[in-house]
Amino acid sequence: MDIAALRSARLRSHRLSAPAATVRDAAVHMLAVQAQEFWAGRWALASRSRGAPRLSDLDAAFDAGVLVRAWTMRGTIHVIPAPDLAWVLSLTSERQLRQGAGTRASEGIDDSVLRCAERLARAALGGGGRLGRREFLSMLEAGGVSTAGQRGYHLIVALALRGVVCWGPVVPRDDGPTREQYLVLVEEWVRDAAAPADPLIEMFVRFIDGHGPAGVGDFAWWAGLPVTVARRAAAASLDRVDEVDDGLYVAASGPRRSSSAPGVVALAAFDEYYLSYVDRGLVCPPELLSLVGPGKNGLVRPILLARGVVAGAWSHSKAVGRHGEDPVPELAVPDAATTAEIDAALARYARFIAG
């Protein structure tokens, strides 16, 4: 498969040139999108949906229990359809917990501390309770579990990886886009949990559906699973995906490109189109890799994408009172996009974040 065909196919599978009918459909199609920046995870789904989704549409999906946010893979927080949370964690949580064991030990978080924290969480959140981050940590402190330093963060992560809590409904905010969610009990908040016959096959197929053409190494990186496990997943999935040349897999039946899809789109920070592959140079010129990231701080910047290729970056303030300001483009390849195309791409985001 030549590079132009690969980019075109990825644009379709990512729903960037074949947008989904709703943000829920986009989330189901992608399975999980990286979202340590809450605004970015919401825009990642909105940018893959038809029409002009607003921030309020995404917040309503969280409030209704359609979407949740949790540490689904690689020790990184993602937005995921609520019914898919448990089975994905059944594949990824044990490995993530092992990888974080040293950090928890250095913070003095052992099994007895986690058992106490879980007991307190279940008591505080049971019966439909919900707590913001500060209130949750205060509750732990009041119950005798120290949250000093980074302990609070690592306690929340460990409880989430154990499938006890997740980030659910949004915390209302009057002066701009909300940045926070309430912690809720997974067993009460997530209704109609999915139970695929083979979770590993399901994860590989859903990854290829939303990210293909992609290889075994890409899936291993994205899912945070060993390559041997990724190979097994690919071999067992051949009745649901197609293998093409160069060791790439594609969806057996992918979405069709929309004739009205724009050639230039503004992607979120940490967007899946850029981040989900071992070789990012296929969609980003090598000289722009340092512009986009990850940098020393781990940040991956919002991207200007022109016809499937990274052409620059953009920025926008989420500070109180500034979310209504215009996004600022940083086009690094002058001939890659016109001013009108860039303005249209950023205007779509501006309408989203103001809504």
Protein backbone atom coordinates (compact mmCIF):
# COMPACT_ATOMS: atom_id res chain seq x y z
CA MET A 1 0.00 0.00 0.00
CA ASP A 2 1.52 3.33 -1.01
CA ILE A 3 1.64 6.23 1.44
CA ALA A 4 -1.11 8.25 -0.25
CA ALA A 5 -3.52 5.30 -0.12
CA LEU A 6 -2.58 4.60 3.50
CA ARG A 7 -3.29 8.19 4.53
CA SER A 8 -6.59 8.20 2.68
CA ALA A 9 -7.66 4.96 4.34
CA ARG A 10 -6.67 6.22 7.78
CA LEU A 11 -8.63 9.43 7.30
CA ARG A 12 -11.71 7.30 6.64
CA SER A 13 -11.13 4.87 9.51
CA HIS A 14 -10.53 7.77 11.90
CA ARG A 15 -13.83 9.29 10.77
CA LEU A 16 -12.03 12.45 9.68
CA SER A 17 -13.14 12.14 6.05
CA ALA A 18 -16.14 9.90 6.83
CA PRO A 19 -17.64 11.48 9.95
CA ALA A 20 -19.91 9.49 12.26
CA ALA A 21 -23.57 10.38 12.66
CA THR A 22 -23.22 11.28 16.36
CA VAL A 23 -20.51 11.72 18.97
CA ARG A 24 -21.66 8.45 20.55
CA ASP A 25 -21.17 6.66 17.21
CA ALA A 26 -17.71 8.21 16.90
CA ALA A 27 -16.80 6.99 20.39
CA VAL A 28 -18.03 3.45 19.71
CA HIS A 29 -16.11 3.39 16.42
CA MET A 30 -12.84 4.61 17.98
CA LEU A 31 -13.25 2.51 21.17
CA ALA A 32 -10.95 4.81 23.16
CA VAL A 33 -9.42 8.25 22.54
CA GLN A 34 -6.63 9.70 24.63
CA ALA A 35 -7.94 12.39 26.97
CA GLN A 36 -5.65 13.47 29.77
CA GLU A 37 -6.73 16.94 28.64
CA PHE A 38 -10.49 16.73 29.04
CA TRP A 39 -11.28 19.35 26.39
CA ALA A 40 -9.09 17.49 23.89
CA GLY A 41 -10.80 14.15 24.38
CA ARG A 42 -14.19 15.76 23.81
CA TRP A 43 -13.02 17.62 20.70
CA ALA A 44 -11.44 14.43 19.34
CA LEU A 45 -14.92 12.89 19.21
CA ALA A 46 -16.67 16.05 18.01
CA SER A 47 -14.17 16.46 15.16
CA ARG A 48 -15.10 12.94 13.99
CA SER A 49 -18.85 13.64 13.97
CA ARG A 50 -21.20 15.18 11.43
CA GLY A 51 -22.62 18.65 11.63
CA ALA A 52 -21.55 21.03 14.35
CA PRO A 53 -21.37 19.18 17.68
CA ARG A 54 -21.09 21.45 20.70
CA LEU A 55 -19.27 20.94 23.97
CA SER A 56 -22.67 20.62 25.63
CA ASP A 57 -23.38 17.56 23.45
CA LEU A 58 -20.30 15.82 24.81
CA ASP A 59 -21.03 16.85 28.38
CA ALA A 60 -24.56 15.48 28.02
CA ALA A 61 -23.12 12.13 26.91
CA PHE A 62 -21.00 11.98 30.08
CA ASP A 63 -23.94 13.05 32.24
CA ALA A 64 -26.12 10.33 30.71
CA GLY A 65 -23.56 7.58 31.33
CA VAL A 66 -22.91 7.06 27.62
CA LEU A 67 -19.21 7.97 27.96
CA VAL A 68 -16.73 7.74 30.83
CA ARG A 69 -13.08 8.55 31.29
CA ALA A 70 -10.59 6.11 32.82
CA TRP A 71 -7.04 4.78 32.59
CA THR A 72 -7.84 2.21 29.94
CA MET A 73 -4.34 1.57 28.58
CA ARG A 74 -0.67 2.61 28.81
CA GLY A 75 -1.27 4.31 32.16
CA THR A 76 -3.03 7.09 30.23
CA ILE A 77 -6.56 8.37 30.64
CA HIS A 78 -8.97 7.87 27.72
CA VAL A 79 -12.58 8.55 26.85
CA ILE A 80 -14.38 5.25 26.25
CA PRO A 81 -18.01 4.18 25.77
CA ALA A 82 -19.20 3.17 29.24
CA PRO A 83 -20.29 -0.36 28.23
CA ASP A 84 -16.76 -1.12 26.95
CA LEU A 85 -14.87 -0.11 30.08
CA ALA A 86 -14.89 -3.39 32.02
CA TRP A 87 -13.84 -5.73 29.24
CA VAL A 88 -11.04 -3.41 28.08
CA LEU A 89 -9.71 -3.23 31.65
CA SER A 90 -9.85 -7.04 31.82
CA LEU A 91 -7.09 -7.00 29.19
CA THR A 92 -5.03 -4.01 30.31
CA SER A 93 -5.45 -3.35 34.03
CA GLU A 94 -3.19 -6.06 35.43
CA ARG A 95 -0.24 -4.95 33.28
CA GLN A 96 -0.82 -1.30 34.19
CA LEU A 97 -1.03 -2.13 37.88
CA ARG A 98 2.25 -4.06 37.67
CA GLN A 99 3.94 -1.17 35.89
CA GLY A 100 2.81 1.23 38.61
CA ALA A 101 3.76 -1.03 41.52
CA GLY A 102 7.14 0.62 42.10
CA THR A 103 5.65 4.11 42.21
CA ARG A 104 2.93 3.03 44.65
CA ALA A 105 5.55 1.36 46.84
CA SER A 106 7.63 4.54 46.93
CA GLU A 107 4.49 6.43 47.98
CA GLY A 108 3.76 3.92 50.73
CA ILE A 109 0.62 2.59 49.05
CA ASP A 110 0.37 -1.13 49.76
CA ASP A 111 -2.52 -3.57 49.49
CA SER A 112 -3.86 -2.70 52.93
CA VAL A 113 -3.98 1.01 52.01
CA LEU A 114 -5.77 0.20 48.76
CA ARG A 115 -8.28 -2.01 50.54
CA CYS A 116 -9.03 0.80 52.97
CA ALA A 117 -9.32 3.34 50.14
CA GLU A 118 -11.68 1.05 48.26
CA ARG A 119 -13.85 0.53 51.31
CA LEU A 120 -14.09 4.28 51.86
CA ALA A 121 -14.84 4.91 48.18
CA ARG A 122 -17.63 2.36 48.10
CA ALA A 123 -19.18 3.81 51.26
CA ALA A 124 -18.99 7.40 49.98
CA LEU A 125 -20.13 6.75 46.41
CA GLY A 126 -22.61 3.93 46.96
CA GLY A 127 -26.27 4.62 46.32
CA GLY A 128 -25.60 7.06 43.50
CA GLY A 129 -23.01 9.24 45.21
CA ARG A 130 -20.54 11.34 43.26
CA LEU A 131 -17.55 13.37 44.36
CA GLY A 132 -15.20 15.78 42.60
CA ARG A 133 -11.48 15.18 42.89
CA ARG A 134 -10.93 17.46 45.88
CA GLU A 135 -13.96 16.14 47.73
CA PHE A 136 -12.89 12.55 47.05
CA LEU A 137 -9.40 13.15 48.41
CA SER A 138 -10.81 14.95 51.45
CA MET A 139 -13.04 11.94 52.06
CA LEU A 140 -10.02 9.63 51.99
CA GLU A 141 -8.11 11.89 54.38
CA ALA A 142 -11.06 11.96 56.78
CA GLY A 143 -11.10 8.17 56.66
CA GLY A 144 -7.43 7.93 57.65
CA VAL A 145 -5.87 7.42 54.19
CA SER A 146 -3.19 10.02 53.47
CA THR A 147 -3.33 11.72 50.07
CA ALA A 148 -0.22 13.85 50.58
CA GLY A 149 2.00 14.62 47.60
CA GLN A 150 1.12 12.36 44.69
CA ARG A 151 -0.54 9.70 46.82
CA GLY A 152 -4.03 10.96 46.03
CA TYR A 153 -3.49 10.72 42.29
CA HIS A 154 -2.02 7.22 42.48
CA LEU A 155 -4.83 6.05 44.74
CA ILE A 156 -7.44 7.22 42.24
CA VAL A 157 -5.58 5.56 39.36
CA ALA A 158 -5.27 2.27 41.25
CA LEU A 159 -8.96 2.27 42.17
CA ALA A 160 -9.86 3.02 38.56
CA LEU A 161 -7.64 0.21 37.26
CA ARG A 162 -9.32 -2.15 39.72
CA GLY A 163 -12.62 -1.20 38.15
CA VAL A 164 -13.95 0.47 41.28
CA VAL A 165 -14.29 4.09 40.13
CA CYS A 166 -14.30 6.09 36.90
CA TRP A 167 -14.77 9.70 35.86
CA GLY A 168 -18.44 10.12 34.98
CA PRO A 169 -20.72 13.19 34.88
CA VAL A 170 -19.17 16.63 34.46
CA VAL A 171 -18.81 19.18 37.23
CA PRO A 172 -20.85 22.23 36.12
CA ARG A 173 -19.01 25.48 35.48
CA ASP A 174 -20.64 28.81 34.61
CA ASP A 175 -17.61 30.78 33.42
CA GLY A 176 -16.31 28.47 30.70
CA PRO A 177 -15.83 24.85 29.60
CA THR A 178 -15.80 22.48 32.53
CA ARG A 179 -12.47 20.81 33.21
CA GLU A 180 -13.62 18.35 35.83
CA GLN A 181 -15.76 15.28 36.29
CA TYR A 182 -17.22 13.50 39.27
CA LEU A 183 -15.88 10.16 40.41
CA VAL A 184 -18.57 7.48 40.52
CA LEU A 185 -18.75 3.77 41.26
CA VAL A 186 -18.36 1.78 38.05
CA GLU A 187 -20.74 -0.97 39.16
CA GLU A 188 -23.54 1.56 39.68
CA TRP A 189 -22.81 4.08 36.94
CA VAL A 190 -22.08 1.76 34.01
CA ARG A 191 -25.25 0.11 32.77
CA ASP A 192 -25.46 -2.65 30.15
CA ALA A 193 -21.77 -3.54 30.30
CA ALA A 194 -20.67 -5.30 27.11
CA ALA A 195 -19.27 -8.83 27.28
CA PRO A 196 -17.62 -9.80 23.96
CA ALA A 197 -17.00 -13.50 23.45
CA ASP A 198 -13.25 -12.88 23.10
CA PRO A 199 -12.14 -9.48 24.46
CA LEU A 200 -8.70 -9.67 22.83
CA ILE A 201 -10.16 -10.24 19.37
CA GLU A 202 -12.73 -7.51 19.98
CA MET A 203 -10.02 -5.04 20.98
CA PHE A 204 -7.90 -5.77 17.91
CA VAL A 205 -10.86 -5.52 15.53
CA ARG A 206 -12.09 -2.28 17.08
CA PHE A 207 -8.56 -0.84 16.90
CA ILE A 208 -8.29 -1.67 13.22
CA ASP A 209 -11.81 -0.35 12.55
CA GLY A 210 -10.88 3.01 14.07
CA HIS A 211 -7.19 3.25 13.21
CA GLY A 212 -6.39 1.03 10.24
CA PRO A 213 -4.43 0.44 8.12
CA ALA A 214 -2.22 -0.53 11.05
CA GLY A 215 0.12 -3.31 12.05
CA VAL A 216 0.67 -5.59 15.00
CA GLY A 217 3.30 -3.24 16.42
CA ASP A 218 0.87 -0.33 16.27
CA PHE A 219 -1.78 -2.31 18.15
CA ALA A 220 0.75 -3.42 20.78
CA TRP A 221 1.81 0.19 21.34
CA TRP A 222 -1.73 1.57 21.42
CA ALA A 223 -3.15 -1.11 23.70
CA GLY A 224 -0.06 -1.30 25.91
CA LEU A 225 0.12 -5.08 25.42
CA PRO A 226 3.13 -7.30 24.61
CA VAL A 227 3.84 -7.85 20.92
CA THR A 228 3.35 -11.60 21.38
CA VAL A 229 -0.19 -10.96 22.61
CA ALA A 230 -0.78 -8.53 19.73
CA ARG A 231 0.32 -11.17 17.21
CA ARG A 232 -2.07 -13.66 18.75
CA ALA A 233 -4.89 -11.12 18.52
CA ALA A 234 -4.20 -10.45 14.84
CA ALA A 235 -4.03 -14.14 13.93
CA ALA A 236 -7.35 -14.82 15.67
CA SER A 237 -9.10 -11.87 13.99
CA LEU A 238 -8.63 -12.71 10.32
CA ASP A 239 -12.31 -13.51 9.84
CA ARG A 240 -13.19 -9.94 10.89
CA VAL A 241 -10.33 -7.87 9.40
CA ASP A 242 -8.39 -8.05 6.13
CA GLU A 243 -4.63 -8.39 5.94
CA VAL A 244 -3.00 -6.36 3.19
CA ASP A 245 0.59 -5.90 2.07
CA ASP A 246 3.41 -4.76 4.36
CA GLY A 247 1.85 -6.50 7.38
CA LEU A 248 -1.03 -4.04 7.62
CA TYR A 249 -4.61 -4.81 8.57
CA VAL A 250 -7.73 -2.97 7.48
CA ALA A 251 -11.38 -3.18 8.43
CA ALA A 252 -13.39 -5.74 6.49
CA SER A 253 -15.93 -3.00 5.77
CA GLY A 254 -14.91 0.59 6.43
CA PRO A 255 -16.87 3.85 6.28
CA ARG A 256 -17.20 5.68 2.97
CA ARG A 257 -15.62 9.07 2.45
CA SER A 258 -18.00 12.00 2.59
CA SER A 259 -17.93 14.25 -0.47
CA SER A 260 -18.28 17.26 1.83
CA ALA A 261 -15.37 16.33 4.11
CA PRO A 262 -12.91 19.25 4.39
CA GLY A 263 -9.33 18.84 3.27
CA VAL A 264 -8.02 20.65 6.35
CA VAL A 265 -9.02 19.76 9.91
CA ALA A 266 -7.94 20.95 13.34
CA LEU A 267 -7.16 17.96 15.55
CA ALA A 268 -7.02 17.88 19.32
CA ALA A 269 -3.95 17.59 21.51
CA PHE A 270 -2.87 13.94 21.75
CA ASP A 271 -5.05 13.07 18.77
CA GLU A 272 -5.30 9.40 17.83
CA TYR A 273 -4.54 10.06 14.15
CA TYR A 274 -1.03 11.13 15.09
CA LEU A 275 -0.31 9.30 18.31
CA SER A 276 -1.53 5.74 17.71
CA TYR A 277 1.32 4.41 15.57
CA VAL A 278 4.90 3.33 15.99
CA ASP A 279 5.91 5.29 12.87
CA ARG A 280 4.38 8.77 13.05
CA GLY A 281 6.52 9.89 10.13
CA LEU A 282 3.97 8.41 7.73
CA VAL A 283 1.60 11.30 8.49
CA CYS A 284 4.01 13.90 9.82
CA PRO A 285 7.07 15.27 8.00
CA PRO A 286 10.16 14.43 10.07
CA GLU A 287 11.04 18.10 10.48
CA LEU A 288 7.67 18.74 12.19
CA LEU A 289 7.84 15.90 14.73
CA SER A 290 9.53 18.14 17.30
CA LEU A 291 6.92 20.86 16.71
CA VAL A 292 4.06 18.50 17.52
CA GLY A 293 5.67 16.35 20.23
CA PRO A 294 5.75 14.56 22.54
CA GLY A 295 8.16 17.07 23.99
CA LYS A 296 10.15 16.81 27.20
CA ASN A 297 6.97 17.50 29.14
CA GLY A 298 5.12 14.74 27.29
CA LEU A 299 2.78 17.20 25.59
CA VAL A 300 1.45 16.48 22.09
CA ARG A 301 0.13 19.70 20.58
CA PRO A 302 -3.11 20.25 18.69
CA ILE A 303 -2.48 19.63 14.99
CA LEU A 304 -3.42 21.26 11.70
CA LEU A 305 -3.92 18.39 9.28
CA ALA A 306 -3.98 19.09 5.54
CA ARG A 307 -5.10 16.22 3.33
CA GLY A 308 -3.90 13.65 5.82
CA VAL A 309 -0.51 15.22 6.51
CA VAL A 310 0.51 17.33 9.50
CA ALA A 311 1.02 20.89 8.29
CA GLY A 312 1.39 22.71 11.59
CA ALA A 313 -0.09 23.22 15.02
CA TRP A 314 -2.59 25.52 16.70
CA SER A 315 -3.38 26.78 20.18
CA HIS A 316 -6.30 28.10 22.16
CA SER A 317 -6.61 29.27 25.74
CA LYS A 318 -8.95 27.40 28.07
CA ALA A 319 -8.32 29.89 30.88
CA VAL A 320 -11.27 31.45 32.66
CA GLY A 321 -12.79 34.15 30.47
CA ARG A 322 -10.58 33.40 27.47
CA HIS A 323 -12.24 30.42 25.82
CA GLY A 324 -14.12 32.82 23.53
CA GLU A 325 -10.88 34.09 21.98
CA ASP A 326 -9.94 32.95 18.48
CA PRO A 327 -7.69 29.88 18.13
CA VAL A 328 -4.22 30.74 16.82
CA PRO A 329 -2.80 28.75 13.87
CA GLU A 330 0.87 27.95 13.40
CA LEU A 331 1.19 26.77 9.82
CA ALA A 332 4.62 25.24 9.31
CA VAL A 333 4.18 24.25 5.65
CA PRO A 334 3.01 27.46 3.93
CA ASP A 335 1.65 25.87 0.75
CA ALA A 336 -0.17 23.02 2.50
CA ALA A 337 -3.41 24.89 3.17
CA THR A 338 -5.10 28.15 2.30
CA THR A 339 -6.04 30.78 4.85
CA ALA A 340 -9.71 30.06 4.15
CA GLU A 341 -9.24 26.33 4.86
CA ILE A 342 -7.44 26.99 8.13
CA ASP A 343 -10.01 29.57 9.21
CA ALA A 344 -12.84 27.12 8.51
CA ALA A 345 -11.16 24.32 10.46
CA LEU A 346 -10.52 26.50 13.51
CA ALA A 347 -13.96 28.11 13.30
CA ARG A 348 -15.54 24.67 13.66
CA TYR A 349 -13.56 24.14 16.85
CA ALA A 350 -14.42 27.63 18.10
CA ARG A 351 -18.13 26.94 17.67
CA PHE A 352 -17.69 23.66 19.54
CA ILE A 353 -15.84 25.08 22.55
CA ALA A 354 -18.23 28.03 22.85
CA GLY A 355 -21.26 25.71 22.89
